[in-house]
Amino acid sequence: MIEEARSTPAQRPSLMGKALLALQSSGACRLAPKSLAGMGVIFMLHRVREDEGKAFAPNRILEITPSFLDRTIRFVKDRGYRCVSLDEAVTRIEEGDCSERFAVFTLDDGYRDNLTDALPVFARHDTPFTLYLTTGLPDGDAEIWWVALERVIAKADEVAIDMPDGPLRLPTRTSEEKNAAWKRIYWPLRELPEEDLRAKVRGLAEAHGIDMRELTRELALNWDEVRTLAAHPLASVEAHTAAHFAQARLSARDARLDIEKGVARMEAELGRRPRHFSYPYGDPGSAGPRDFALAQALGFRSATTTRKGMIHPGHARRMWSLPRLSLNGDFQDLRMLEALMSGLPFALARPIRSLGID
């Protein structure tokens, strides 16, 4: 029997979560063709820390608790998956090795809790993992703008911002108003050129007394901590650009420079050149065929997206656009994970291209 997650009111299942629970409870995912599950899975994580239980926490989707990571690893191993390093998984994909299903754990960006909260869990289970590092975070000059925006809205009673379709002035006194304001601001910002997006969040942060450089120092690994992580026998540190810009929204020249700057910083600080790459944001609007070709041209063995899906033998022909399965903070329920790992939700959703299924 699969353990149910304990939810706070702020974490009640979304429409997608309810659909996954329905698939699992109906038994459909257990009856699905085994081929839908493919040859393995690459999990995507960001932060691992205790849930604070706040009603307004829009970035919760990027966070799971250490206990859920622990349960996930146990769940994956109990179902016969072999937890392997990213390097070994890539070799298996290249060779078409379907002798046993594999699972890879990857964490994006470079948060301090990857060292303090995630590493002990991986070590307890002797499970390899990969950190895709944005080098501007330990350098202190990359902006974690999505957290800055959350903190602005969290502390304010009202937020005013000039948006492309005109100025907005939104009440943010209650959690309901704060969540509504996030939706009104975040998604239109994501459509802007990166420099414009960051300038607007920077202005908001300054107006509300939030120091974005201090925020980076608070949340991100420094280089000594990155070296501690990189020295661990279970860990590998790979590339995730210097500034965490959406590559598809940059010119070809600037996209290449952002990757090359990150690689150079990693070589200088860690003494090795990264072999694998992950696209910031990684959705279809943030990384496309031009960017896949660039990752290949720069000599990476593989590159991962945030497109949703399991790994299939056909991905051997698409090593620079590999899909991942997000361990989403809103879906911390092993029943949902079982449904996702069956591959059935992706097969059902594949005709809907806007969902980013791969």
Protein backbone atom coordinates (compact mmCIF):
# COMPACT_ATOMS: atom_id res chain seq x y z
CA MET A 1 0.00 0.00 0.00
CA ILE A 2 1.34 3.43 -0.94
CA GLU A 3 1.57 5.99 1.83
CA GLU A 4 -0.60 9.07 1.43
CA ALA A 5 0.87 12.53 1.85
CA ARG A 6 -0.30 14.75 4.68
CA SER A 7 -1.47 18.05 3.16
CA THR A 8 -2.00 21.47 4.61
CA PRO A 9 -4.96 23.48 3.25
CA ALA A 10 -2.50 25.35 1.01
CA GLN A 11 -1.40 22.03 -0.48
CA ARG A 12 -4.70 20.42 -1.41
CA PRO A 13 -4.39 18.59 -4.72
CA SER A 14 -4.65 20.74 -7.83
CA LEU A 15 -6.68 19.67 -10.84
CA MET A 16 -3.57 17.92 -12.19
CA GLY A 17 -2.97 16.29 -8.82
CA LYS A 18 -6.54 15.03 -8.70
CA ALA A 19 -6.15 13.56 -12.19
CA LEU A 20 -3.00 11.71 -11.12
CA LEU A 21 -4.71 10.39 -7.99
CA ALA A 22 -7.64 9.20 -10.11
CA LEU A 23 -5.29 7.34 -12.46
CA GLN A 24 -3.57 5.67 -9.54
CA SER A 25 -6.70 4.75 -7.61
CA SER A 26 -8.40 3.35 -10.71
CA GLY A 27 -5.52 0.96 -11.30
CA ALA A 28 -5.06 2.29 -14.84
CA CYS A 29 -1.40 3.10 -14.32
CA ARG A 30 -0.72 -0.49 -13.22
CA LEU A 31 -2.48 -1.84 -16.32
CA ALA A 32 -0.62 0.50 -18.71
CA PRO A 33 1.83 -1.11 -21.15
CA LYS A 34 5.24 -1.44 -19.50
CA SER A 35 6.80 0.21 -22.54
CA LEU A 36 5.26 3.56 -21.52
CA ALA A 37 7.61 3.66 -18.52
CA GLY A 38 10.59 3.51 -20.86
CA MET A 39 14.11 2.59 -19.81
CA GLY A 40 14.43 5.02 -16.94
CA VAL A 41 13.75 8.42 -15.46
CA ILE A 42 15.71 11.59 -14.76
CA PHE A 43 14.21 13.36 -11.76
CA MET A 44 14.38 17.15 -11.52
CA LEU A 45 14.57 18.90 -8.16
CA HIS A 46 15.49 22.40 -7.05
CA ARG A 47 15.25 22.93 -3.30
CA VAL A 48 15.03 20.37 -0.48
CA ARG A 49 13.88 21.82 2.84
CA GLU A 50 11.11 21.64 5.42
CA ASP A 51 7.77 23.09 4.35
CA GLU A 52 6.93 26.23 6.33
CA GLY A 53 3.19 25.71 5.73
CA LYS A 54 2.55 29.22 4.42
CA ALA A 55 -0.68 29.95 2.55
CA PHE A 56 1.23 32.13 0.08
CA ALA A 57 4.17 30.13 -1.26
CA PRO A 58 4.11 30.24 -5.07
CA ASN A 59 7.64 28.84 -5.32
CA ARG A 60 6.64 25.76 -3.33
CA ILE A 61 6.53 23.90 -6.66
CA LEU A 62 10.35 24.14 -6.60
CA GLU A 63 10.65 22.62 -3.12
CA ILE A 64 10.25 19.17 -1.61
CA THR A 65 10.87 18.10 1.97
CA PRO A 66 13.77 15.86 2.99
CA SER A 67 11.24 13.26 4.13
CA PHE A 68 9.58 13.17 0.71
CA LEU A 69 12.97 12.80 -0.97
CA ASP A 70 13.66 9.92 1.42
CA ARG A 71 10.33 8.25 0.58
CA THR A 72 10.88 8.80 -3.14
CA ILE A 73 14.26 7.08 -3.15
CA ARG A 74 12.82 4.15 -1.20
CA PHE A 75 9.84 3.97 -3.56
CA VAL A 76 12.02 4.00 -6.68
CA LYS A 77 14.36 1.30 -5.36
CA ASP A 78 11.47 -0.86 -4.15
CA ARG A 79 10.16 -0.87 -7.72
CA GLY A 80 13.37 -2.25 -9.09
CA TYR A 81 14.95 0.93 -10.43
CA ARG A 82 18.71 1.20 -10.14
CA CYS A 83 19.79 4.66 -8.96
CA VAL A 84 22.79 5.64 -11.06
CA SER A 85 24.92 8.68 -11.80
CA LEU A 86 24.00 10.93 -14.69
CA ASP A 87 27.14 9.81 -16.52
CA GLU A 88 26.15 6.14 -16.23
CA ALA A 89 22.59 6.89 -17.33
CA VAL A 90 23.86 8.68 -20.44
CA THR A 91 26.02 5.68 -21.30
CA ARG A 92 23.00 3.40 -20.91
CA ILE A 93 20.92 5.62 -23.20
CA GLU A 94 23.69 5.75 -25.80
CA GLU A 95 24.07 1.96 -25.72
CA GLY A 96 20.34 1.24 -25.60
CA ASP A 97 20.82 -0.73 -22.38
CA CYS A 98 17.32 -1.72 -21.23
CA SER A 99 18.47 -4.56 -18.94
CA GLU A 100 17.09 -2.73 -15.88
CA ARG A 101 15.38 0.58 -15.42
CA PHE A 102 17.49 3.42 -14.03
CA ALA A 103 16.73 6.53 -12.00
CA VAL A 104 18.84 9.69 -11.88
CA PHE A 105 18.38 12.55 -9.40
CA THR A 106 19.29 16.07 -10.56
CA LEU A 107 19.02 19.40 -8.74
CA ASP A 108 19.02 22.73 -10.59
CA ASP A 109 20.59 26.09 -9.72
CA GLY A 110 22.72 25.65 -6.58
CA TYR A 111 20.82 26.24 -3.35
CA ARG A 112 22.55 25.81 0.01
CA ASP A 113 19.92 23.31 1.14
CA ASN A 114 21.21 20.93 -1.55
CA LEU A 115 24.24 20.52 0.73
CA THR A 116 22.62 20.84 4.14
CA ASP A 117 19.32 18.99 3.59
CA ALA A 118 19.53 16.95 0.37
CA LEU A 119 23.03 15.48 0.65
CA PRO A 120 22.35 13.67 3.95
CA VAL A 121 19.33 11.94 2.38
CA PHE A 122 21.25 10.84 -0.71
CA ALA A 123 24.15 9.69 1.48
CA ARG A 124 21.82 7.66 3.73
CA HIS A 125 20.59 5.77 0.66
CA ASP A 126 23.97 5.63 -1.11
CA THR A 127 22.29 7.33 -4.07
CA PRO A 128 24.23 9.36 -6.67
CA PHE A 129 22.97 12.79 -7.70
CA THR A 130 23.90 15.72 -9.93
CA LEU A 131 23.82 19.44 -9.19
CA TYR A 132 23.41 21.64 -12.26
CA LEU A 133 25.13 24.83 -11.08
CA THR A 134 24.40 28.40 -12.11
CA THR A 135 27.84 29.87 -11.38
CA GLY A 136 26.50 33.37 -10.81
CA LEU A 137 24.97 32.11 -7.57
CA PRO A 138 28.23 31.27 -5.75
CA ASP A 139 29.77 34.29 -7.50
CA GLY A 140 27.02 36.36 -5.88
CA ASP A 141 25.85 38.20 -8.98
CA ALA A 142 22.98 36.02 -10.26
CA GLU A 143 19.54 37.16 -9.13
CA ILE A 144 17.05 34.68 -7.70
CA TRP A 145 14.32 36.97 -8.98
CA TRP A 146 11.44 34.51 -8.51
CA VAL A 147 12.09 34.37 -4.77
CA ALA A 148 12.54 38.15 -4.63
CA LEU A 149 9.14 38.61 -6.28
CA GLU A 150 7.55 36.21 -3.78
CA ARG A 151 9.07 38.10 -0.84
CA VAL A 152 7.90 41.46 -2.18
CA ILE A 153 4.32 40.25 -2.44
CA ALA A 154 4.54 38.42 0.89
CA LYS A 155 5.53 41.54 2.85
CA ALA A 156 3.47 44.16 1.00
CA ASP A 157 -0.12 45.27 1.43
CA GLU A 158 -0.11 46.59 -2.12
CA VAL A 159 2.15 46.13 -5.14
CA ALA A 160 2.51 48.61 -8.00
CA ILE A 161 4.39 47.71 -11.16
CA ASP A 162 4.48 48.91 -14.77
CA MET A 163 3.65 46.00 -17.05
CA PRO A 164 3.75 45.88 -20.87
CA ASP A 165 -0.03 46.37 -21.07
CA GLY A 166 -0.02 49.21 -18.55
CA PRO A 167 0.56 49.95 -14.86
CA LEU A 168 -0.80 47.57 -12.23
CA ARG A 169 -1.67 48.39 -8.65
CA LEU A 170 -2.76 45.27 -6.81
CA PRO A 171 -3.94 44.72 -3.22
CA THR A 172 -1.87 42.08 -1.41
CA ARG A 173 -3.21 42.05 2.14
CA THR A 174 -4.63 38.53 2.27
CA SER A 175 -3.16 35.26 1.05
CA GLU A 176 -5.86 35.13 -1.62
CA GLU A 177 -4.91 38.59 -2.86
CA LYS A 178 -1.22 37.69 -2.78
CA ASN A 179 -1.76 34.54 -4.85
CA ALA A 180 -3.88 36.47 -7.34
CA ALA A 181 -1.23 39.19 -7.61
CA TRP A 182 1.48 36.60 -8.24
CA LYS A 183 -0.45 35.19 -11.18
CA ARG A 184 -1.10 38.67 -12.60
CA ILE A 185 2.60 39.59 -12.41
CA TYR A 186 4.70 36.42 -12.74
CA TRP A 187 3.45 34.98 -16.00
CA PRO A 188 3.49 38.26 -18.01
CA LEU A 189 7.01 38.89 -16.68
CA ARG A 190 8.10 35.49 -18.00
CA GLU A 191 7.16 36.67 -21.51
CA LEU A 192 9.56 39.63 -21.35
CA PRO A 193 13.20 39.67 -22.47
CA GLU A 194 15.34 38.52 -19.56
CA GLU A 195 16.98 41.90 -18.92
CA ASP A 196 13.58 43.64 -18.83
CA LEU A 197 12.13 41.00 -16.50
CA ARG A 198 14.99 41.33 -14.05
CA ALA A 199 14.98 45.13 -14.17
CA LYS A 200 11.32 45.18 -13.18
CA VAL A 201 11.80 42.74 -10.29
CA ARG A 202 14.92 44.62 -9.23
CA GLY A 203 12.91 47.84 -9.08
CA LEU A 204 10.15 46.19 -7.07
CA ALA A 205 12.65 44.68 -4.65
CA GLU A 206 14.37 48.02 -4.11
CA ALA A 207 11.04 49.77 -3.53
CA HIS A 208 10.13 47.21 -0.86
CA GLY A 209 13.48 47.05 0.90
CA ILE A 210 14.66 43.68 -0.37
CA ASP A 211 18.37 43.37 -1.18
CA MET A 212 18.66 40.90 -4.06
CA ARG A 213 22.39 40.33 -3.56
CA GLU A 214 21.80 39.53 0.09
CA LEU A 215 19.03 37.16 -0.98
CA THR A 216 21.50 35.29 -3.20
CA ARG A 217 24.01 35.09 -0.33
CA GLU A 218 21.26 33.77 1.95
CA LEU A 219 19.97 31.01 -0.33
CA ALA A 220 22.84 29.97 -2.60
CA LEU A 221 25.90 27.82 -2.10
CA ASN A 222 29.21 29.69 -1.96
CA TRP A 223 32.24 28.28 -3.76
CA ASP A 224 33.64 26.57 -0.67
CA GLU A 225 30.31 24.80 -0.23
CA VAL A 226 30.21 23.87 -3.92
CA ARG A 227 33.68 22.35 -3.54
CA THR A 228 32.51 20.40 -0.48
CA LEU A 229 29.61 19.02 -2.50
CA ALA A 230 31.75 18.28 -5.56
CA ALA A 231 34.23 16.33 -3.43
CA HIS A 232 31.54 13.94 -2.19
CA PRO A 233 31.74 10.54 -3.93
CA LEU A 234 28.01 10.52 -4.67
CA ALA A 235 27.85 14.02 -6.17
CA SER A 236 28.66 15.50 -9.54
CA VAL A 237 28.47 19.20 -10.41
CA GLU A 238 27.51 20.10 -13.97
CA ALA A 239 26.69 23.21 -16.00
CA HIS A 240 23.60 25.45 -15.82
CA THR A 241 24.97 28.72 -17.35
CA ALA A 242 26.44 31.70 -15.53
CA ALA A 243 23.38 33.94 -15.19
CA HIS A 244 20.37 31.60 -15.46
CA PHE A 245 18.96 33.31 -18.54
CA ALA A 246 16.40 31.57 -20.75
CA GLN A 247 18.66 30.63 -23.64
CA ALA A 248 16.02 30.88 -26.36
CA ARG A 249 15.37 34.51 -25.41
CA LEU A 250 19.01 35.47 -25.98
CA SER A 251 20.83 36.02 -29.24
CA ALA A 252 22.88 33.05 -30.40
CA ARG A 253 26.04 34.93 -29.40
CA ASP A 254 24.79 35.84 -25.92
CA ALA A 255 23.47 32.34 -25.28
CA ARG A 256 26.84 30.86 -26.11
CA LEU A 257 28.66 33.42 -23.95
CA ASP A 258 26.40 32.68 -20.96
CA ILE A 259 27.21 28.98 -21.18
CA GLU A 260 30.91 29.50 -21.82
CA LYS A 261 31.25 31.92 -18.90
CA GLY A 262 29.66 29.35 -16.58
CA VAL A 263 31.92 26.58 -17.86
CA ALA A 264 35.02 28.75 -17.43
CA ARG A 265 34.05 29.64 -13.84
CA MET A 266 33.52 25.96 -13.02
CA GLU A 267 36.89 25.01 -14.49
CA ALA A 268 38.60 27.77 -12.52
CA GLU A 269 36.93 26.93 -9.20
CA LEU A 270 36.57 23.14 -9.41
CA GLY A 271 39.46 22.17 -11.67
CA ARG A 272 37.36 20.23 -14.17
CA ARG A 273 35.23 20.94 -17.21
CA PRO A 274 31.55 19.96 -16.84
CA ARG A 275 30.36 17.18 -19.14
CA HIS A 276 26.61 17.71 -18.90
CA PHE A 277 24.29 20.71 -19.16
CA SER A 278 20.80 21.78 -18.12
CA TYR A 279 18.84 24.63 -19.74
CA PRO A 280 17.56 27.31 -17.33
CA TYR A 281 13.75 27.07 -17.08
CA GLY A 282 14.00 24.39 -19.78
CA ASP A 283 10.47 24.72 -21.16
CA PRO A 284 9.82 24.99 -24.93
CA GLY A 285 9.82 28.79 -24.76
CA SER A 286 13.21 28.84 -23.00
CA ALA A 287 15.17 26.23 -24.96
CA GLY A 288 14.68 25.05 -28.52
CA PRO A 289 16.47 23.41 -31.45
CA ARG A 290 19.05 26.20 -31.75
CA ASP A 291 19.97 25.75 -28.10
CA PHE A 292 20.10 21.96 -28.35
CA ALA A 293 22.51 22.28 -31.26
CA LEU A 294 24.64 24.73 -29.27
CA ALA A 295 24.92 22.35 -26.30
CA GLN A 296 26.04 19.62 -28.67
CA ALA A 297 28.52 21.91 -30.42
CA LEU A 298 30.04 22.90 -27.06
CA GLY A 299 30.90 19.28 -26.39
CA PHE A 300 28.45 18.31 -23.64
CA ARG A 301 27.63 14.61 -23.47
CA SER A 302 24.00 15.42 -22.67
CA ALA A 303 21.63 18.27 -21.89
CA THR A 304 18.36 18.15 -19.98
CA THR A 305 15.20 20.20 -20.31
CA THR A 306 12.15 20.56 -18.09
CA ARG A 307 9.98 18.90 -20.72
CA LYS A 308 8.01 16.17 -19.01
CA GLY A 309 8.53 12.50 -19.69
CA MET A 310 10.34 9.23 -19.12
CA ILE A 311 13.50 8.20 -20.95
CA HIS A 312 13.00 5.92 -23.97
CA PRO A 313 15.53 4.26 -26.32
CA GLY A 314 14.74 6.87 -28.98
CA HIS A 315 16.32 9.54 -26.80
CA ALA A 316 19.71 8.20 -27.90
CA ARG A 317 19.13 10.37 -30.99
CA ARG A 318 18.20 13.38 -28.86
CA MET A 319 20.85 13.50 -26.15
CA TRP A 320 20.74 17.30 -25.93
CA SER A 321 16.99 17.60 -25.25
CA LEU A 322 16.36 14.95 -22.61
CA PRO A 323 13.09 15.16 -20.64
CA ARG A 324 12.86 14.96 -16.87
CA LEU A 325 10.23 14.17 -14.28
CA SER A 326 9.78 17.02 -11.83
CA LEU A 327 9.54 16.23 -8.13
CA ASN A 328 7.10 19.08 -7.71
CA GLY A 329 6.44 20.43 -4.25
CA ASP A 330 2.69 20.45 -4.88
CA PHE A 331 2.74 16.74 -5.76
CA GLN A 332 4.43 15.27 -2.65
CA ASP A 333 2.36 12.13 -2.72
CA LEU A 334 3.73 8.71 -3.71
CA ARG A 335 0.41 7.84 -5.34
CA MET A 336 0.94 10.68 -7.80
CA LEU A 337 4.53 9.58 -8.32
CA GLU A 338 3.39 6.06 -9.13
CA ALA A 339 1.00 7.40 -11.76
CA LEU A 340 3.70 9.59 -13.32
CA MET A 341 6.31 6.83 -13.40
CA SER A 342 3.91 4.53 -15.25
CA GLY A 343 4.31 6.85 -18.22
CA LEU A 344 0.55 6.81 -18.80
CA PRO A 345 -0.09 10.52 -18.04
CA PHE A 346 2.51 11.49 -20.66
CA ALA A 347 1.06 9.14 -23.26
CA LEU A 348 -2.43 10.57 -22.66
CA ALA A 349 -1.21 14.18 -22.73
CA ARG A 350 1.25 13.90 -25.64
CA PRO A 351 -1.24 15.21 -28.24
CA ILE A 352 -1.49 18.44 -26.21
CA ARG A 353 1.80 20.04 -27.25
CA SER A 354 1.37 23.05 -24.96
CA LEU A 355 1.98 20.78 -21.94
CA GLY A 356 5.61 20.29 -22.97
CA ILE A 357 5.45 16.49 -22.98
CA ASP A 358 8.45 14.73 -24.52
